[in-house]
């Protein structure tokens, strides 16, 4: 089961995956949420790694905004 913070993070990442785009603002919000408690746990680290993998592969594109 995901922690409350990891669940929110997953929701935000899932939205980016759905529309295949991640705005700069969305990316910053994701990072702020992950760092909100000053600790990135294993679940959050895994979700962030998944996001970066999708960005690196081009499956999700960074766009202005």
N, C-alpha and C. Protein backbone atom coordinates (compact mmCIF):
# COMPACT_ATOMS: atom_id res chain seq x y z
N UNK A 1 0.85 -1.19 0.00
CA UNK A 1 0.00 0.00 0.00
C UNK A 1 0.88 1.24 0.00
N UNK A 2 0.49 2.21 -0.81
CA UNK A 2 1.26 3.45 -0.91
C UNK A 2 0.97 4.37 0.25
N UNK A 3 1.99 5.12 0.65
CA UNK A 3 1.77 6.15 1.66
C UNK A 3 0.91 7.24 1.04
N UNK A 4 0.37 8.10 1.88
CA UNK A 4 -0.49 9.19 1.40
C UNK A 4 0.25 10.07 0.39
N UNK A 5 1.50 10.40 0.72
CA UNK A 5 2.29 11.25 -0.17
C UNK A 5 2.60 10.53 -1.48
N UNK A 6 2.94 9.25 -1.39
CA UNK A 6 3.26 8.48 -2.59
C UNK A 6 2.02 8.32 -3.48
N UNK A 7 0.86 8.18 -2.86
CA UNK A 7 -0.38 8.06 -3.63
C UNK A 7 -0.66 9.34 -4.41
N UNK A 8 -0.44 10.50 -3.78
CA UNK A 8 -0.62 11.79 -4.47
C UNK A 8 0.39 11.91 -5.61
N UNK A 9 1.61 11.51 -5.33
CA UNK A 9 2.67 11.57 -6.33
C UNK A 9 2.31 10.68 -7.52
N UNK A 10 1.83 9.48 -7.25
CA UNK A 10 1.43 8.55 -8.31
C UNK A 10 0.31 9.14 -9.14
N UNK A 11 -0.64 9.79 -8.50
CA UNK A 11 -1.75 10.41 -9.22
C UNK A 11 -1.25 11.47 -10.19
N UNK A 12 -0.32 12.31 -9.74
CA UNK A 12 0.22 13.36 -10.60
C UNK A 12 1.01 12.76 -11.76
N UNK A 13 1.80 11.73 -11.48
CA UNK A 13 2.59 11.09 -12.54
C UNK A 13 1.68 10.39 -13.53
N UNK A 14 0.63 9.73 -13.02
CA UNK A 14 -0.32 9.05 -13.91
C UNK A 14 -0.98 10.03 -14.87
N UNK A 15 -1.28 11.24 -14.40
CA UNK A 15 -1.87 12.26 -15.29
C UNK A 15 -0.91 12.61 -16.41
N UNK A 16 0.38 12.76 -16.07
CA UNK A 16 1.38 13.07 -17.09
C UNK A 16 1.49 11.94 -18.10
N UNK A 17 1.40 10.71 -17.63
CA UNK A 17 1.48 9.56 -18.52
C UNK A 17 0.27 9.53 -19.46
N UNK A 18 -0.89 9.82 -18.92
CA UNK A 18 -2.12 9.78 -19.72
C UNK A 18 -2.07 10.75 -20.90
N UNK A 19 -1.60 11.97 -20.65
CA UNK A 19 -1.58 12.94 -21.75
C UNK A 19 -0.22 13.03 -22.44
N UNK A 20 0.73 12.20 -22.02
CA UNK A 20 2.06 12.10 -22.64
C UNK A 20 2.83 13.42 -22.58
N UNK A 21 2.44 14.30 -21.66
CA UNK A 21 3.13 15.58 -21.51
C UNK A 21 3.30 15.90 -20.03
N UNK A 22 4.38 16.60 -19.74
CA UNK A 22 4.64 17.06 -18.38
C UNK A 22 5.11 18.50 -18.47
N UNK A 23 4.31 19.41 -17.94
CA UNK A 23 4.71 20.81 -17.98
C UNK A 23 5.76 21.06 -16.91
N UNK A 24 6.46 22.16 -17.06
CA UNK A 24 7.46 22.54 -16.07
C UNK A 24 6.80 22.72 -14.71
N UNK A 25 5.62 23.32 -14.68
CA UNK A 25 4.91 23.53 -13.42
C UNK A 25 4.53 22.18 -12.79
N UNK A 26 4.02 21.25 -13.60
CA UNK A 26 3.67 19.92 -13.07
C UNK A 26 4.91 19.22 -12.51
N UNK A 27 6.02 19.33 -13.23
CA UNK A 27 7.26 18.69 -12.79
C UNK A 27 7.72 19.28 -11.46
N UNK A 28 7.65 20.60 -11.35
CA UNK A 28 8.05 21.26 -10.10
C UNK A 28 7.13 20.85 -8.95
N UNK A 29 5.83 20.72 -9.23
CA UNK A 29 4.88 20.28 -8.20
C UNK A 29 5.18 18.86 -7.75
N UNK A 30 5.53 18.00 -8.69
CA UNK A 30 5.89 16.62 -8.36
C UNK A 30 7.10 16.60 -7.45
N UNK A 31 8.12 17.37 -7.79
CA UNK A 31 9.32 17.41 -6.95
C UNK A 31 9.03 18.01 -5.58
N UNK A 32 8.22 19.05 -5.53
CA UNK A 32 7.86 19.66 -4.24
C UNK A 32 7.10 18.66 -3.38
N UNK A 33 6.17 17.93 -3.98
CA UNK A 33 5.40 16.94 -3.23
C UNK A 33 6.32 15.84 -2.70
N UNK A 34 7.23 15.37 -3.54
CA UNK A 34 8.15 14.31 -3.11
C UNK A 34 9.03 14.77 -1.96
N UNK A 35 9.40 16.06 -1.96
CA UNK A 35 10.29 16.60 -0.93
C UNK A 35 9.55 17.27 0.22
N UNK A 36 8.23 17.25 0.21
CA UNK A 36 7.44 17.99 1.21
C UNK A 36 7.77 17.60 2.64
N UNK A 37 8.00 16.33 2.88
CA UNK A 37 8.31 15.89 4.24
C UNK A 37 9.82 15.78 4.48
N UNK A 38 10.59 16.36 3.58
CA UNK A 38 12.05 16.39 3.66
C UNK A 38 12.68 14.99 3.59
N UNK A 39 11.90 14.03 3.08
CA UNK A 39 12.40 12.67 2.97
C UNK A 39 11.72 11.99 1.78
N UNK A 40 12.52 11.43 0.89
CA UNK A 40 11.95 10.68 -0.23
C UNK A 40 12.05 9.20 0.13
N UNK A 41 10.89 8.59 0.36
CA UNK A 41 10.89 7.18 0.75
C UNK A 41 11.04 6.29 -0.48
N UNK A 42 11.12 4.98 -0.26
CA UNK A 42 11.36 4.04 -1.35
C UNK A 42 10.26 4.09 -2.41
N UNK A 43 9.00 4.25 -1.98
CA UNK A 43 7.88 4.32 -2.93
C UNK A 43 8.00 5.56 -3.80
N UNK A 44 8.28 6.68 -3.17
CA UNK A 44 8.42 7.93 -3.92
C UNK A 44 9.61 7.85 -4.87
N UNK A 45 10.70 7.26 -4.40
CA UNK A 45 11.89 7.12 -5.24
C UNK A 45 11.58 6.27 -6.48
N UNK A 46 10.82 5.20 -6.30
CA UNK A 46 10.45 4.33 -7.40
C UNK A 46 9.56 5.08 -8.41
N UNK A 47 8.61 5.86 -7.91
CA UNK A 47 7.72 6.62 -8.79
C UNK A 47 8.50 7.67 -9.58
N UNK A 48 9.43 8.35 -8.91
CA UNK A 48 10.24 9.36 -9.60
C UNK A 48 11.14 8.69 -10.66
N UNK A 49 11.67 7.53 -10.34
CA UNK A 49 12.50 6.81 -11.31
C UNK A 49 11.68 6.42 -12.53
N UNK A 50 10.44 5.99 -12.30
CA UNK A 50 9.55 5.63 -13.41
C UNK A 50 9.30 6.86 -14.28
N UNK A 51 9.05 8.00 -13.65
CA UNK A 51 8.80 9.22 -14.41
C UNK A 51 10.02 9.59 -15.25
N UNK A 52 11.20 9.54 -14.64
CA UNK A 52 12.41 9.91 -15.38
C UNK A 52 12.68 8.94 -16.53
N UNK A 53 12.36 7.68 -16.32
CA UNK A 53 12.52 6.69 -17.39
C UNK A 53 11.60 7.03 -18.58
N UNK A 54 10.37 7.41 -18.26
CA UNK A 54 9.41 7.78 -19.31
C UNK A 54 9.85 9.05 -20.04
N UNK A 55 10.40 10.00 -19.29
CA UNK A 55 10.91 11.23 -19.90
C UNK A 55 12.10 10.93 -20.80
N UNK A 56 13.02 10.10 -20.32
CA UNK A 56 14.22 9.76 -21.09
C UNK A 56 13.89 8.98 -22.36
N UNK A 57 12.87 8.15 -22.30
CA UNK A 57 12.49 7.34 -23.47
C UNK A 57 11.66 8.12 -24.48
N UNK A 58 11.14 9.28 -24.04
CA UNK A 58 10.30 10.08 -24.93
C UNK A 58 8.82 9.74 -24.85
N UNK A 59 8.46 8.76 -24.00
CA UNK A 59 7.07 8.38 -23.84
C UNK A 59 6.26 9.54 -23.24
N UNK A 60 6.93 10.32 -22.38
CA UNK A 60 6.34 11.54 -21.82
C UNK A 60 7.30 12.67 -22.17
N UNK A 61 6.74 13.75 -22.70
CA UNK A 61 7.57 14.88 -23.13
C UNK A 61 7.42 16.05 -22.17
N UNK A 62 8.55 16.72 -21.88
CA UNK A 62 8.50 17.96 -21.09
C UNK A 62 8.08 19.07 -22.02
N UNK A 63 7.11 19.85 -21.59
CA UNK A 63 6.64 20.98 -22.37
C UNK A 63 6.61 22.22 -21.49
N UNK A 64 6.69 23.40 -22.10
CA UNK A 64 6.63 24.63 -21.31
C UNK A 64 5.26 24.75 -20.64
N UNK A 65 5.25 25.50 -19.57
CA UNK A 65 3.96 25.76 -18.94
C UNK A 65 3.95 25.50 -17.49
